[in-house]
């Protein structure tokens, strides 16, 4: 072979090496924007608020931690935070796993609608969830009102608000869909012949479940349980409204120490404890999620799912569906119904009860009876929330798409530098979900107060905070869709001379268009319902709908309560439409939170 022939023989390898280097360089470049956003709008404000908080302590930075660990009341809060999250997670699994099995193994009419319906609570604002249970089981709720009416009672017989049961039930309502989606989607692709083979070999149903099915689905179960635990561990709105003064999680205690007592050092110490705990859990969560990618004999849903034929399967489906519908529909229906009804309070010598239907609560939303200078009509609050949500969608997609693509391009060599970077940064992306919203909101106000980042009076501050919350969900929605793209498509494009950017533009983006819509809708609905940080950084004249709801709930009087229910119903309708939209356009056979 002459020199020209040798050169021709080497050029394909050189071109492949060049494309590999370009791909690696692009993988590193994809992390630039997400990391820059997190550094400026997460790590920097968090570091500043922690520095300022600890500098206010006279006894050094260690003193607040010593105070937190030596205080009986703080230890009680920490213990309550842990065990209520553990009990809530166990109850959520108890309700969610039978539902996950039903959705994974059976096909029945209305299944898609049920999946969308059970997903609505997850994107509902915590304040609206609390208001829904209050409207159903609270002292002025449907159940108590009807019982007072029927039995001519002087006092509501059911004491639901400010109880542990209210907190646990609301958490189960809020997070059951995580188990249904994560476990159900994974379970639906496991080859049923594995269990059938065990039974042919003589294993009982219980033995098959214990030794075959559970080991296969355990990574999905553990990952969903960890995610549920994280959300329950950092619970704020549910505890604040339904728990009352008797119960407080770390997040509520941080809020109280910051806003009521202005004890910033102790609040900072509690924030670090919460952050370190959730960081450890997110690292474990991402590791378990990677376990879901372990090669298995996965099958399409059309192969693994069967019809409800036997009476046992029909009875099982009826019980599970009844439980899921009761848990999901009753609180939401109670909220909507209570917003158009009026109950007379008990009078001396007379019983109260149902007084008829009314639209006055909706009409009163547009009336400023107290002549408050900070009064904002509901239409304007909704438009403000919609504007913030639209901007949040743009920012979350702009930052989440490159991060998702970088994670989806995880190299086959797990020991490579790119693989190690992905393993390191994957849990970092979820850190905003476990960070105290109160601490982060104060960090925004303190850190972003000087040029060129003087944003305290800027309307951009709220959507930036919302983007931090929505960003992890965008990544979790897009990454599975990007990973589902067959590598041969990218390889074929590269062989034909396409650069990595051209592969992104002409292969990846067209194939994940529906997943982009799902991610955008997630970001939109999450922004509509965010309350923790918004309550601190939003200006009084520019409230979002959740902030306006909380203002109404905080004021005494039946009229204010009815207005809060009416505004909550409007927000519920918007978020429900968003979840139905997600289910309509969700990428087939792909699901991950």
Protein backbone atom coordinates (compact mmCIF):
# COMPACT_ATOMS: atom_id res chain seq x y z
CA UNK A 1 0.00 0.00 0.00
CA UNK A 2 1.40 3.41 -0.96
CA UNK A 3 1.49 6.43 1.26
CA UNK A 4 -1.70 7.84 -0.25
CA UNK A 5 -3.50 4.58 0.46
CA UNK A 6 -2.22 4.56 4.04
CA UNK A 7 -3.41 8.12 4.49
CA UNK A 8 -6.84 7.19 3.20
CA UNK A 9 -6.89 4.24 5.60
CA UNK A 10 -6.15 6.43 8.62
CA UNK A 11 -8.47 9.29 7.86
CA UNK A 12 -11.72 7.60 9.04
CA UNK A 13 -10.14 6.83 12.41
CA UNK A 14 -8.86 10.38 12.67
CA UNK A 15 -12.30 11.70 11.78
CA UNK A 16 -13.89 9.44 14.39
CA UNK A 17 -11.37 10.61 16.99
CA UNK A 18 -12.07 14.22 16.08
CA UNK A 19 -15.82 13.68 16.41
CA UNK A 20 -15.24 12.01 19.78
CA UNK A 21 -13.23 14.98 21.01
CA UNK A 22 -15.85 17.37 19.66
CA UNK A 23 -18.54 15.37 21.44
CA UNK A 24 -16.62 15.45 24.72
CA UNK A 25 -16.02 19.18 24.33
CA UNK A 26 -19.69 19.75 23.60
CA UNK A 27 -20.62 17.68 26.66
CA UNK A 28 -18.53 19.99 28.84
CA UNK A 29 -19.91 23.05 27.07
CA UNK A 30 -23.48 21.95 27.79
CA UNK A 31 -22.84 22.31 31.53
CA UNK A 32 -21.65 25.92 31.28
CA UNK A 33 -25.06 27.63 31.29
CA UNK A 34 -26.75 25.41 33.95
CA UNK A 35 -23.76 25.69 36.28
CA UNK A 36 -23.47 29.44 35.73
CA UNK A 37 -27.16 29.84 36.61
CA UNK A 38 -26.80 27.73 39.76
CA UNK A 39 -23.64 29.54 40.82
CA UNK A 40 -25.18 33.01 40.45
CA UNK A 41 -28.75 32.37 41.60
CA UNK A 42 -28.38 29.45 44.00
CA UNK A 43 -24.93 28.97 45.52
CA UNK A 44 -24.07 32.68 45.71
CA UNK A 45 -27.31 33.84 47.46
CA UNK A 46 -27.18 30.77 49.72
CA UNK A 47 -23.56 31.46 50.70
CA UNK A 48 -24.27 35.16 51.35
CA UNK A 49 -27.31 34.57 53.56
CA UNK A 50 -25.48 31.90 55.54
CA UNK A 51 -22.47 34.20 55.97
CA UNK A 52 -24.65 37.11 57.08
CA UNK A 53 -26.66 34.87 59.41
CA UNK A 54 -23.65 33.38 61.15
CA UNK A 55 -21.91 36.78 61.41
CA UNK A 56 -24.81 38.01 63.57
CA UNK A 57 -23.98 35.44 66.21
CA UNK A 58 -21.74 36.67 69.00
CA UNK A 59 -20.34 33.27 69.97
CA UNK A 60 -19.02 32.10 66.57
CA UNK A 61 -20.37 29.96 63.78
CA UNK A 62 -20.50 26.77 65.87
CA UNK A 63 -22.77 28.29 68.53
CA UNK A 64 -26.02 28.06 66.49
CA UNK A 65 -25.38 24.36 65.79
CA UNK A 66 -24.73 23.75 69.48
CA UNK A 67 -27.91 25.67 70.31
CA UNK A 68 -29.90 23.67 67.76
CA UNK A 69 -28.65 20.31 69.00
CA UNK A 70 -28.92 21.21 72.70
CA UNK A 71 -32.37 22.78 72.51
CA UNK A 72 -35.13 20.35 73.44
CA UNK A 73 -37.66 22.21 71.29
CA UNK A 74 -35.41 22.14 68.19
CA UNK A 75 -34.62 18.46 68.71
CA UNK A 76 -38.36 17.87 68.95
CA UNK A 77 -38.89 19.70 65.64
CA UNK A 78 -36.10 17.71 63.98
CA UNK A 79 -37.49 14.43 65.30
CA UNK A 80 -41.02 15.32 64.19
CA UNK A 81 -39.72 16.29 60.74
CA UNK A 82 -38.03 12.91 60.33
CA UNK A 83 -40.71 10.62 61.65
CA UNK A 84 -43.68 12.38 60.04
CA UNK A 85 -41.83 12.16 56.71
CA UNK A 86 -41.14 8.47 57.31
CA UNK A 87 -44.77 7.71 58.24
CA UNK A 88 -46.06 9.79 55.31
CA UNK A 89 -43.74 7.91 52.95
CA UNK A 90 -44.86 4.51 54.28
CA UNK A 91 -48.54 5.45 53.88
CA UNK A 92 -47.88 6.79 50.38
CA UNK A 93 -46.26 3.48 49.38
CA UNK A 94 -49.14 1.57 50.95
CA UNK A 95 -51.63 3.46 48.77
CA UNK A 96 -49.45 3.87 45.69
CA UNK A 97 -47.99 0.38 45.13
CA UNK A 98 -51.35 -1.38 44.49
CA UNK A 99 -52.23 1.45 42.13
CA UNK A 100 -48.85 1.14 40.40
CA UNK A 101 -49.46 -2.60 39.91
CA UNK A 102 -52.92 -1.94 38.47
CA UNK A 103 -51.65 0.69 36.02
CA UNK A 104 -48.62 -1.44 35.09
CA UNK A 105 -50.28 -4.80 34.48
CA UNK A 106 -53.81 -4.02 33.28
CA UNK A 107 -55.39 -2.06 30.46
CA UNK A 108 -58.90 -0.74 30.97
CA UNK A 109 -61.15 2.06 29.66
CA UNK A 110 -60.40 5.48 31.12
CA UNK A 111 -56.88 4.54 32.19
CA UNK A 112 -55.25 7.62 30.62
CA UNK A 113 -57.78 9.89 32.28
CA UNK A 114 -57.13 8.21 35.64
CA UNK A 115 -53.38 8.74 35.22
CA UNK A 116 -53.96 12.41 34.49
CA UNK A 117 -56.41 12.76 37.38
CA UNK A 118 -54.02 11.21 39.91
CA UNK A 119 -51.27 13.50 38.67
CA UNK A 120 -53.19 16.70 39.39
CA UNK A 121 -52.42 16.81 43.16
CA UNK A 122 -48.66 16.76 42.55
CA UNK A 123 -48.68 20.04 40.60
CA UNK A 124 -51.22 21.67 42.90
CA UNK A 125 -49.88 24.40 45.19
CA UNK A 126 -49.55 23.20 48.77
CA UNK A 127 -51.80 26.03 49.92
CA UNK A 128 -54.55 24.86 47.57
CA UNK A 129 -54.11 21.26 48.75
CA UNK A 130 -54.45 22.44 52.34
CA UNK A 131 -57.48 24.54 51.39
CA UNK A 132 -59.04 21.53 49.63
CA UNK A 133 -58.83 19.35 52.74
CA UNK A 134 -60.01 22.26 54.85
CA UNK A 135 -63.01 22.66 52.55
CA UNK A 136 -63.80 18.95 52.81
CA UNK A 137 -63.07 18.11 56.46
CA UNK A 138 -62.41 21.44 58.18
CA UNK A 139 -64.71 23.05 60.76
CA UNK A 140 -66.50 24.94 57.97
CA UNK A 141 -66.11 22.12 55.44
CA UNK A 142 -68.61 20.01 53.60
CA UNK A 143 -68.58 16.98 55.87
CA UNK A 144 -68.89 18.92 59.12
CA UNK A 145 -71.47 21.25 57.61
CA UNK A 146 -73.67 18.41 56.46
CA UNK A 147 -73.32 16.57 59.77
CA UNK A 148 -74.32 19.71 61.65
CA UNK A 149 -77.29 20.11 59.31
CA UNK A 150 -78.48 16.50 59.48
CA UNK A 151 -78.00 15.88 63.20
CA UNK A 152 -78.79 19.40 64.40
CA UNK A 153 -75.44 19.77 66.16
CA UNK A 154 -74.03 22.85 67.84
CA UNK A 155 -70.37 22.14 67.04
CA UNK A 156 -68.60 20.46 64.12
CA UNK A 157 -68.12 16.81 65.15
CA UNK A 158 -64.91 16.14 63.17
CA UNK A 159 -61.72 17.83 64.37
CA UNK A 160 -59.44 17.53 61.35
CA UNK A 161 -57.44 20.76 61.08
CA UNK A 162 -54.39 21.11 63.33
CA UNK A 163 -54.04 17.35 63.70
CA UNK A 164 -51.35 14.89 62.69
CA UNK A 165 -53.90 12.99 60.61
CA UNK A 166 -54.48 16.07 58.46
CA UNK A 167 -50.76 16.36 57.72
CA UNK A 168 -50.34 12.67 56.87
CA UNK A 169 -53.44 12.54 54.67
CA UNK A 170 -52.42 15.67 52.76
CA UNK A 171 -48.93 14.26 52.16
CA UNK A 172 -50.37 10.99 50.82
CA UNK A 173 -52.75 12.95 48.59
CA UNK A 174 -49.90 15.10 47.36
CA UNK A 175 -47.27 12.42 46.62
CA UNK A 176 -49.10 9.21 45.64
CA UNK A 177 -48.68 10.08 41.97
CA UNK A 178 -44.87 9.84 42.35
CA UNK A 179 -45.19 6.15 43.24
CA UNK A 180 -47.79 5.59 40.51
CA UNK A 181 -45.57 7.14 37.84
CA UNK A 182 -42.09 5.95 38.82
CA UNK A 183 -42.93 2.43 39.97
CA UNK A 184 -45.83 1.91 37.55
CA UNK A 185 -43.88 3.02 34.48
CA UNK A 186 -40.94 0.77 35.38
CA UNK A 187 -43.08 -2.19 36.41
CA UNK A 188 -45.03 -1.98 33.15
CA UNK A 189 -41.93 -2.92 31.14
CA UNK A 190 -40.79 -5.96 33.16
CA UNK A 191 -41.31 -9.20 31.26
CA UNK A 192 -44.23 -11.07 32.94
CA UNK A 193 -42.71 -14.38 31.82
CA UNK A 194 -40.21 -14.11 34.68
CA UNK A 195 -42.98 -14.41 37.27
CA UNK A 196 -44.79 -17.03 35.18
CA UNK A 197 -41.65 -19.15 35.01
CA UNK A 198 -41.30 -19.04 38.80
CA UNK A 199 -44.90 -20.23 39.24
CA UNK A 200 -44.39 -23.02 36.70
CA UNK A 201 -41.43 -24.17 38.81
CA UNK A 202 -43.70 -24.41 41.83
CA UNK A 203 -43.40 -21.01 43.50
CA UNK A 204 -46.52 -19.65 45.17
CA UNK A 205 -47.84 -16.15 44.45
CA UNK A 206 -46.27 -14.88 47.65
CA UNK A 207 -42.91 -16.51 46.87
CA UNK A 208 -42.98 -15.11 43.34
CA UNK A 209 -43.71 -11.66 44.69
CA UNK A 210 -40.97 -11.89 47.30
CA UNK A 211 -38.18 -13.52 45.30
CA UNK A 212 -38.85 -12.37 41.72
CA UNK A 213 -41.04 -9.28 41.45
CA UNK A 214 -39.86 -7.24 44.44
CA UNK A 215 -36.12 -7.53 43.65
CA UNK A 216 -36.83 -6.36 40.10
CA UNK A 217 -38.91 -3.32 41.06
CA UNK A 218 -37.04 -2.45 44.27
CA UNK A 219 -34.80 0.24 42.64
CA UNK A 220 -37.93 2.06 41.42
CA UNK A 221 -39.68 1.63 44.77
CA UNK A 222 -36.66 2.89 46.70
CA UNK A 223 -36.14 5.84 44.34
CA UNK A 224 -39.80 6.90 44.60
CA UNK A 225 -39.76 6.46 48.39
CA UNK A 226 -36.67 8.67 48.68
CA UNK A 227 -38.23 11.38 46.53
CA UNK A 228 -41.46 11.27 48.55
CA UNK A 229 -39.43 11.44 51.77
CA UNK A 230 -37.56 14.52 50.50
CA UNK A 231 -40.82 16.34 49.72
CA UNK A 232 -42.34 15.39 53.09
CA UNK A 233 -39.11 16.27 54.93
CA UNK A 234 -39.16 19.81 53.48
CA UNK A 235 -42.94 20.26 53.75
CA UNK A 236 -43.99 23.86 54.43
CA UNK A 237 -47.41 24.92 53.16
CA UNK A 238 -49.26 21.79 54.33
CA UNK A 239 -47.79 22.04 57.86
CA UNK A 240 -48.37 25.79 58.03
CA UNK A 241 -52.09 25.62 57.14
CA UNK A 242 -53.22 22.18 58.33
CA UNK A 243 -50.74 21.56 61.15
CA UNK A 244 -51.25 24.82 63.01
CA UNK A 245 -49.08 25.93 65.93
CA UNK A 246 -48.76 22.43 67.43
CA UNK A 247 -46.68 20.98 64.60
CA UNK A 248 -43.61 22.31 62.86
CA UNK A 249 -41.11 20.81 60.43
CA UNK A 250 -37.59 22.16 59.98
CA UNK A 251 -38.86 24.34 57.12
CA UNK A 252 -41.62 25.84 59.27
CA UNK A 253 -39.19 26.36 62.17
CA UNK A 254 -36.75 28.13 59.82
CA UNK A 255 -39.61 30.39 58.73
CA UNK A 256 -40.56 31.10 62.36
CA UNK A 257 -36.98 31.78 63.47
CA UNK A 258 -36.43 34.07 60.48
CA UNK A 259 -39.67 36.02 60.19
CA UNK A 260 -41.07 35.98 63.74
CA UNK A 261 -38.00 35.82 65.98
CA UNK A 262 -35.36 37.15 63.54
CA UNK A 263 -32.87 34.60 64.90
CA UNK A 264 -30.87 34.34 61.69
CA UNK A 265 -27.94 32.28 63.08
CA UNK A 266 -30.22 29.53 64.33
CA UNK A 267 -32.26 29.65 61.11
CA UNK A 268 -29.03 29.29 59.10
CA UNK A 269 -27.90 26.32 61.19
CA UNK A 270 -31.25 24.61 60.65
CA UNK A 271 -31.02 25.36 56.91
CA UNK A 272 -27.62 23.67 56.70
CA UNK A 273 -28.90 20.63 58.60
CA UNK A 274 -31.83 20.37 56.19
CA UNK A 275 -29.62 20.92 53.14
CA UNK A 276 -27.06 18.27 54.15
CA UNK A 277 -29.84 15.77 54.83
CA UNK A 278 -31.53 16.34 51.48
CA UNK A 279 -28.14 16.32 49.69
CA UNK A 280 -27.42 12.85 51.06
CA UNK A 281 -30.89 11.72 50.02
CA UNK A 282 -30.58 13.18 46.50
CA UNK A 283 -27.22 11.47 45.98
CA UNK A 284 -28.87 8.19 46.95
CA UNK A 285 -31.87 9.02 44.75
CA UNK A 286 -29.76 9.65 41.63
CA UNK A 287 -27.78 6.46 42.25
CA UNK A 288 -30.99 4.47 42.47
CA UNK A 289 -32.30 6.15 39.33
CA UNK A 290 -29.20 4.97 37.51
CA UNK A 291 -29.99 1.47 38.72
CA UNK A 292 -33.22 1.71 36.71
CA UNK A 293 -31.05 1.72 33.60
CA UNK A 294 -29.58 -1.70 34.47
CA UNK A 295 -30.12 -3.98 31.44
CA UNK A 296 -33.24 -6.09 31.89
CA UNK A 297 -35.50 -8.02 29.57
CA UNK A 298 -37.91 -5.11 29.21
CA UNK A 299 -41.03 -5.43 27.09
CA UNK A 300 -43.52 -2.92 25.63
CA UNK A 301 -46.78 -2.20 27.44
CA UNK A 302 -48.79 -3.89 24.70
CA UNK A 303 -47.06 -7.14 25.66
CA UNK A 304 -47.06 -6.86 29.46
CA UNK A 305 -50.60 -5.58 30.05
CA UNK A 306 -53.76 -7.67 30.12
CA UNK A 307 -57.48 -7.04 30.25
CA UNK A 308 -59.52 -7.25 33.43
CA UNK A 309 -61.17 -10.62 32.85
CA UNK A 310 -61.38 -12.61 36.09
CA UNK A 311 -63.62 -11.56 38.96
CA UNK A 312 -60.58 -11.28 41.24
CA UNK A 313 -58.86 -8.80 38.94
CA UNK A 314 -62.08 -6.81 38.58
CA UNK A 315 -62.61 -6.71 42.34
CA UNK A 316 -59.00 -5.67 42.89
CA UNK A 317 -59.33 -2.93 40.26
CA UNK A 318 -62.60 -1.70 41.79
CA UNK A 319 -61.08 -1.42 45.29
CA UNK A 320 -57.89 0.31 44.11
CA UNK A 321 -59.71 2.66 41.74
CA UNK A 322 -62.22 3.54 44.45
CA UNK A 323 -59.42 4.37 46.88
CA UNK A 324 -57.47 6.45 44.34
CA UNK A 325 -60.55 8.34 43.18
CA UNK A 326 -61.70 8.99 46.74
CA UNK A 327 -58.26 10.26 47.71
CA UNK A 328 -57.87 12.40 44.59
CA UNK A 329 -61.33 13.58 43.63
CA UNK A 330 -63.08 14.17 46.96
CA UNK A 331 -60.77 16.96 48.26
CA UNK A 332 -60.70 18.72 44.86
CA UNK A 333 -64.45 18.38 44.40
CA UNK A 334 -65.00 19.51 47.97
CA UNK A 335 -62.90 22.62 47.32
CA UNK A 336 -64.84 23.53 44.18
CA UNK A 337 -68.22 22.81 45.79
CA UNK A 338 -67.41 24.68 48.99
CA UNK A 339 -66.46 27.78 47.00
CA UNK A 340 -70.07 28.07 45.75
CA UNK A 341 -71.90 27.20 48.97
CA UNK A 342 -72.68 29.06 52.13
CA UNK A 343 -72.95 27.57 55.62
CA UNK A 344 -74.53 29.52 58.43
CA UNK A 345 -72.46 29.43 61.64
CA UNK A 346 -74.19 28.04 64.75
CA UNK A 347 -76.08 30.69 66.72
CA UNK A 348 -77.01 30.64 70.39
CA UNK A 349 -79.92 28.28 70.78
CA UNK A 350 -79.89 27.37 67.08
CA UNK A 351 -77.81 25.11 64.91
CA UNK A 352 -75.99 26.26 61.82
CA UNK A 353 -75.65 24.39 58.59
CA UNK A 354 -76.08 24.53 54.84
CA UNK A 355 -77.67 27.80 53.72
CA UNK A 356 -77.65 27.40 49.94
CA UNK A 357 -75.52 27.99 46.86
CA UNK A 358 -73.94 31.32 46.08
CA UNK A 359 -71.46 33.01 43.75
CA UNK A 360 -70.82 35.84 46.18
CA UNK A 361 -67.31 34.62 47.01
CA UNK A 362 -66.33 34.94 43.35
CA UNK A 363 -67.99 38.34 43.05
CA UNK A 364 -66.30 39.58 46.22
CA UNK A 365 -62.88 38.80 44.76
CA UNK A 366 -63.15 42.01 42.79
CA UNK A 367 -64.22 44.19 45.74
CA UNK A 368 -61.78 46.03 48.01
CA UNK A 369 -63.98 46.37 51.10
CA UNK A 370 -61.11 47.26 53.44
CA UNK A 371 -59.73 49.95 51.09
CA UNK A 372 -56.26 48.42 51.32
CA UNK A 373 -53.52 50.16 49.35
CA UNK A 374 -52.06 46.73 48.59
CA UNK A 375 -55.33 45.31 47.27
CA UNK A 376 -54.88 43.54 43.95
CA UNK A 377 -57.91 42.29 41.97
CA UNK A 378 -57.86 38.53 41.33
CA UNK A 379 -57.69 39.03 37.57
CA UNK A 380 -54.50 41.00 38.02
CA UNK A 381 -53.04 38.43 40.45
CA UNK A 382 -53.78 35.70 37.91
CA UNK A 383 -52.20 37.73 35.11
CA UNK A 384 -49.12 38.34 37.29
CA UNK A 385 -48.85 34.61 38.00
CA UNK A 386 -49.29 33.75 34.32
CA UNK A 387 -46.60 36.25 33.34
CA UNK A 388 -44.18 34.86 35.90
CA UNK A 389 -45.00 31.31 34.79
CA UNK A 390 -44.37 32.12 31.13
CA UNK A 391 -40.97 33.60 31.90
CA UNK A 392 -40.19 30.63 34.16
CA UNK A 393 -40.88 28.26 31.27
CA UNK A 394 -38.43 30.09 29.01
CA UNK A 395 -35.68 30.16 31.65
CA UNK A 396 -36.22 26.58 32.81
CA UNK A 397 -36.09 25.20 29.25
CA UNK A 398 -33.09 27.37 28.35
CA UNK A 399 -31.18 25.95 31.32
CA UNK A 400 -32.72 22.50 31.60
CA UNK A 401 -32.35 21.38 27.99
CA UNK A 402 -28.52 21.51 27.87
CA UNK A 403 -28.28 19.89 31.31
CA UNK A 404 -30.65 17.10 30.23
CA UNK A 405 -28.75 16.56 27.01
CA UNK A 406 -25.45 16.36 28.92
CA UNK A 407 -26.88 13.72 31.27
CA UNK A 408 -28.43 11.79 28.38
CA UNK A 409 -25.03 11.64 26.64
CA UNK A 410 -23.56 9.73 29.62
CA UNK A 411 -20.49 7.93 28.18
CA UNK A 412 -20.41 4.17 28.03
CA UNK A 413 -17.12 4.18 29.95
CA UNK A 414 -18.23 4.81 33.54
CA UNK A 415 -14.65 5.66 34.53
CA UNK A 416 -14.26 8.50 32.04
CA UNK A 417 -14.05 12.13 33.16
CA UNK A 418 -17.39 12.96 31.48
CA UNK A 419 -19.14 10.12 33.32
CA UNK A 420 -17.69 11.24 36.65
CA UNK A 421 -18.81 14.83 36.00
CA UNK A 422 -22.34 13.64 35.23
CA UNK A 423 -22.48 11.54 38.40
CA UNK A 424 -21.30 14.54 40.43
CA UNK A 425 -23.63 17.10 38.90
CA UNK A 426 -26.78 14.98 38.66
CA UNK A 427 -27.63 15.26 42.40
CA UNK A 428 -26.47 18.89 42.45
CA UNK A 429 -29.30 19.76 40.05
CA UNK A 430 -31.84 18.66 42.65
CA UNK A 431 -30.35 20.66 45.53
CA UNK A 432 -32.83 23.58 45.14
CA UNK A 433 -35.68 21.18 45.97
CA UNK A 434 -34.16 20.41 49.36
CA UNK A 435 -33.09 23.93 50.26
CA UNK A 436 -35.17 26.06 52.60
CA UNK A 437 -37.28 28.37 50.45
CA UNK A 438 -37.26 30.93 53.27
CA UNK A 439 -33.45 30.94 53.48
CA UNK A 440 -33.08 31.11 49.72
CA UNK A 441 -35.64 33.93 49.46
CA UNK A 442 -33.75 35.99 52.03
CA UNK A 443 -30.53 35.19 50.19
CA UNK A 444 -32.02 36.69 47.04
CA UNK A 445 -32.92 39.88 48.88
CA UNK A 446 -29.50 40.26 50.50
CA UNK A 447 -27.16 39.03 47.75
CA UNK A 448 -28.87 40.52 44.71
CA UNK A 449 -28.87 44.13 45.91
CA UNK A 450 -25.89 45.66 44.12
CA UNK A 451 -25.14 46.35 40.44
CA UNK A 452 -24.95 44.55 38.10
CA UNK A 453 -27.31 42.18 39.96
CA UNK A 454 -29.50 44.65 41.82
CA UNK A 455 -32.76 42.75 41.39
CA UNK A 456 -34.58 43.45 44.65
CA UNK A 457 -37.09 45.73 42.94
CA UNK A 458 -37.03 43.86 39.64
CA UNK A 459 -39.94 41.69 38.48
CA UNK A 460 -37.31 39.15 37.34
CA UNK A 461 -36.59 38.08 40.91
CA UNK A 462 -39.72 35.94 41.27
CA UNK A 463 -39.37 33.96 37.99
CA UNK A 464 -35.68 33.40 38.77
CA UNK A 465 -36.68 31.83 42.10
CA UNK A 466 -39.40 29.80 40.36
CA UNK A 467 -36.87 28.59 37.79
CA UNK A 468 -34.74 27.12 40.58
CA UNK A 469 -37.72 25.02 41.68
CA UNK A 470 -38.92 24.08 38.17
CA UNK A 471 -35.48 23.40 36.72
CA UNK A 472 -35.03 19.93 38.34
CA UNK A 473 -38.43 18.80 37.08
CA UNK A 474 -37.57 19.93 33.55
CA UNK A 475 -34.37 17.87 33.69
CA UNK A 476 -36.24 14.81 35.03
CA UNK A 477 -38.81 15.13 32.22
CA UNK A 478 -36.34 15.62 29.35
CA UNK A 479 -33.50 13.27 30.29
CA UNK A 480 -35.45 9.98 29.81
CA UNK A 481 -36.77 11.17 26.44
CA UNK A 482 -33.27 12.09 25.27
CA UNK A 483 -31.90 8.76 26.51
CA UNK A 484 -34.61 6.93 24.55
CA UNK A 485 -33.18 8.14 21.22
CA UNK A 486 -31.45 5.26 19.50
CA UNK A 487 -27.68 5.87 19.34
CA UNK A 488 -27.63 4.55 15.78
CA UNK A 489 -29.48 7.65 14.61
CA UNK A 490 -26.79 9.90 16.00
CA UNK A 491 -24.05 7.61 14.71
CA UNK A 492 -25.54 7.57 11.21
CA UNK A 493 -25.72 11.36 11.18
CA UNK A 494 -22.10 11.59 12.40
CA UNK A 495 -20.92 9.15 9.71
CA UNK A 496 -22.56 11.36 7.10
CA UNK A 497 -20.54 14.31 8.41
CA UNK A 498 -22.96 16.00 10.82
CA UNK A 499 -21.37 17.96 13.67
CA UNK A 500 -22.66 17.50 17.24
CA UNK A 501 -24.63 20.75 16.95
CA UNK A 502 -26.25 19.55 13.74
CA UNK A 503 -27.12 16.24 15.42
CA UNK A 504 -28.76 18.21 18.24
CA UNK A 505 -30.72 20.39 15.84
CA UNK A 506 -31.86 17.77 13.32
CA UNK A 507 -32.04 14.54 15.39
CA UNK A 508 -32.49 15.19 19.11
CA UNK A 509 -34.79 18.22 19.19
CA UNK A 510 -37.38 16.93 16.67
CA UNK A 511 -37.59 13.57 18.49
CA UNK A 512 -38.16 15.10 21.93
CA UNK A 513 -40.63 17.78 20.87
CA UNK A 514 -43.46 16.24 22.91
CA UNK A 515 -41.20 15.86 25.95
CA UNK A 516 -40.37 19.56 25.64
CA UNK A 517 -44.07 20.35 25.84
CA UNK A 518 -44.39 18.18 28.95
CA UNK A 519 -41.37 19.84 30.58
CA UNK A 520 -42.69 23.30 29.73
CA UNK A 521 -46.09 22.48 31.24
CA UNK A 522 -44.44 21.15 34.40
CA UNK A 523 -42.46 24.39 34.74
CA UNK A 524 -45.61 26.43 34.08
CA UNK A 525 -47.77 24.71 36.71
CA UNK A 526 -44.98 24.59 39.31
CA UNK A 527 -44.44 28.33 38.89
CA UNK A 528 -48.16 28.98 39.34
CA UNK A 529 -48.15 27.17 42.68
CA UNK A 530 -44.80 28.19 44.24
CA UNK A 531 -45.32 29.90 47.58
CA UNK A 532 -42.34 29.54 49.96
CA UNK A 533 -39.79 31.86 48.38
CA UNK A 534 -42.42 33.99 46.63
CA UNK A 535 -43.99 34.98 49.96
CA UNK A 536 -40.71 36.71 50.87
CA UNK A 537 -39.46 38.21 47.59
CA UNK A 538 -42.68 39.27 45.84
CA UNK A 539 -43.63 42.92 46.19
CA UNK A 540 -46.96 43.59 47.98
CA UNK A 541 -48.44 45.26 44.92
CA UNK A 542 -47.44 42.33 42.67
CA UNK A 543 -48.67 39.19 44.49
CA UNK A 544 -49.00 35.81 42.84
CA UNK A 545 -52.19 33.80 43.27
CA UNK A 546 -50.79 31.58 46.11
CA UNK A 547 -49.67 34.70 48.00
CA UNK A 548 -53.12 36.25 47.54
CA UNK A 549 -54.73 33.01 48.77
CA UNK A 550 -52.55 33.00 51.88
CA UNK A 551 -53.48 36.64 52.60
CA UNK A 552 -57.17 35.71 52.50
CA UNK A 553 -56.73 32.57 54.63
CA UNK A 554 -54.78 34.55 57.23
CA UNK A 555 -57.64 37.01 57.76
CA UNK A 556 -60.59 36.14 60.01
CA UNK A 557 -64.15 35.95 58.75
CA UNK A 558 -66.26 33.67 56.58
CA UNK A 559 -66.08 36.06 53.62
CA UNK A 560 -62.29 36.00 53.49
CA UNK A 561 -62.33 32.22 53.83
CA UNK A 562 -64.84 31.88 50.99
CA UNK A 563 -62.79 34.19 48.77
CA UNK A 564 -59.69 32.07 49.46
CA UNK A 565 -61.62 28.97 48.37
CA UNK A 566 -62.87 30.70 45.23
CA UNK A 567 -59.38 31.85 44.25
CA UNK A 568 -57.99 28.38 45.08
CA UNK A 569 -60.60 26.82 42.78
CA UNK A 570 -59.54 29.09 39.93
CA UNK A 571 -55.90 28.14 40.44
CA UNK A 572 -56.85 24.46 40.75
CA UNK A 573 -58.63 24.64 37.39
CA UNK A 574 -55.55 26.08 35.69
CA UNK A 575 -53.17 23.51 37.16
CA UNK A 576 -55.58 20.65 36.41
CA UNK A 577 -55.72 21.73 32.77
CA UNK A 578 -51.92 21.73 32.74
CA UNK A 579 -51.72 18.17 34.10
CA UNK A 580 -54.27 16.92 31.59
CA UNK A 581 -52.16 18.56 28.90
CA UNK A 582 -49.07 16.75 30.20
CA UNK A 583 -50.79 13.37 30.05
CA UNK A 584 -52.05 14.07 26.53
CA UNK A 585 -48.58 14.85 25.18
CA UNK A 586 -46.43 12.66 27.43
CA UNK A 587 -43.90 10.64 25.46
CA UNK A 588 -45.16 7.08 25.16
CA UNK A 589 -43.60 4.55 27.54
CA UNK A 590 -41.38 7.19 29.15
CA UNK A 591 -41.86 8.62 32.62
CA UNK A 592 -39.61 9.92 35.36
CA UNK A 593 -39.78 12.62 38.02
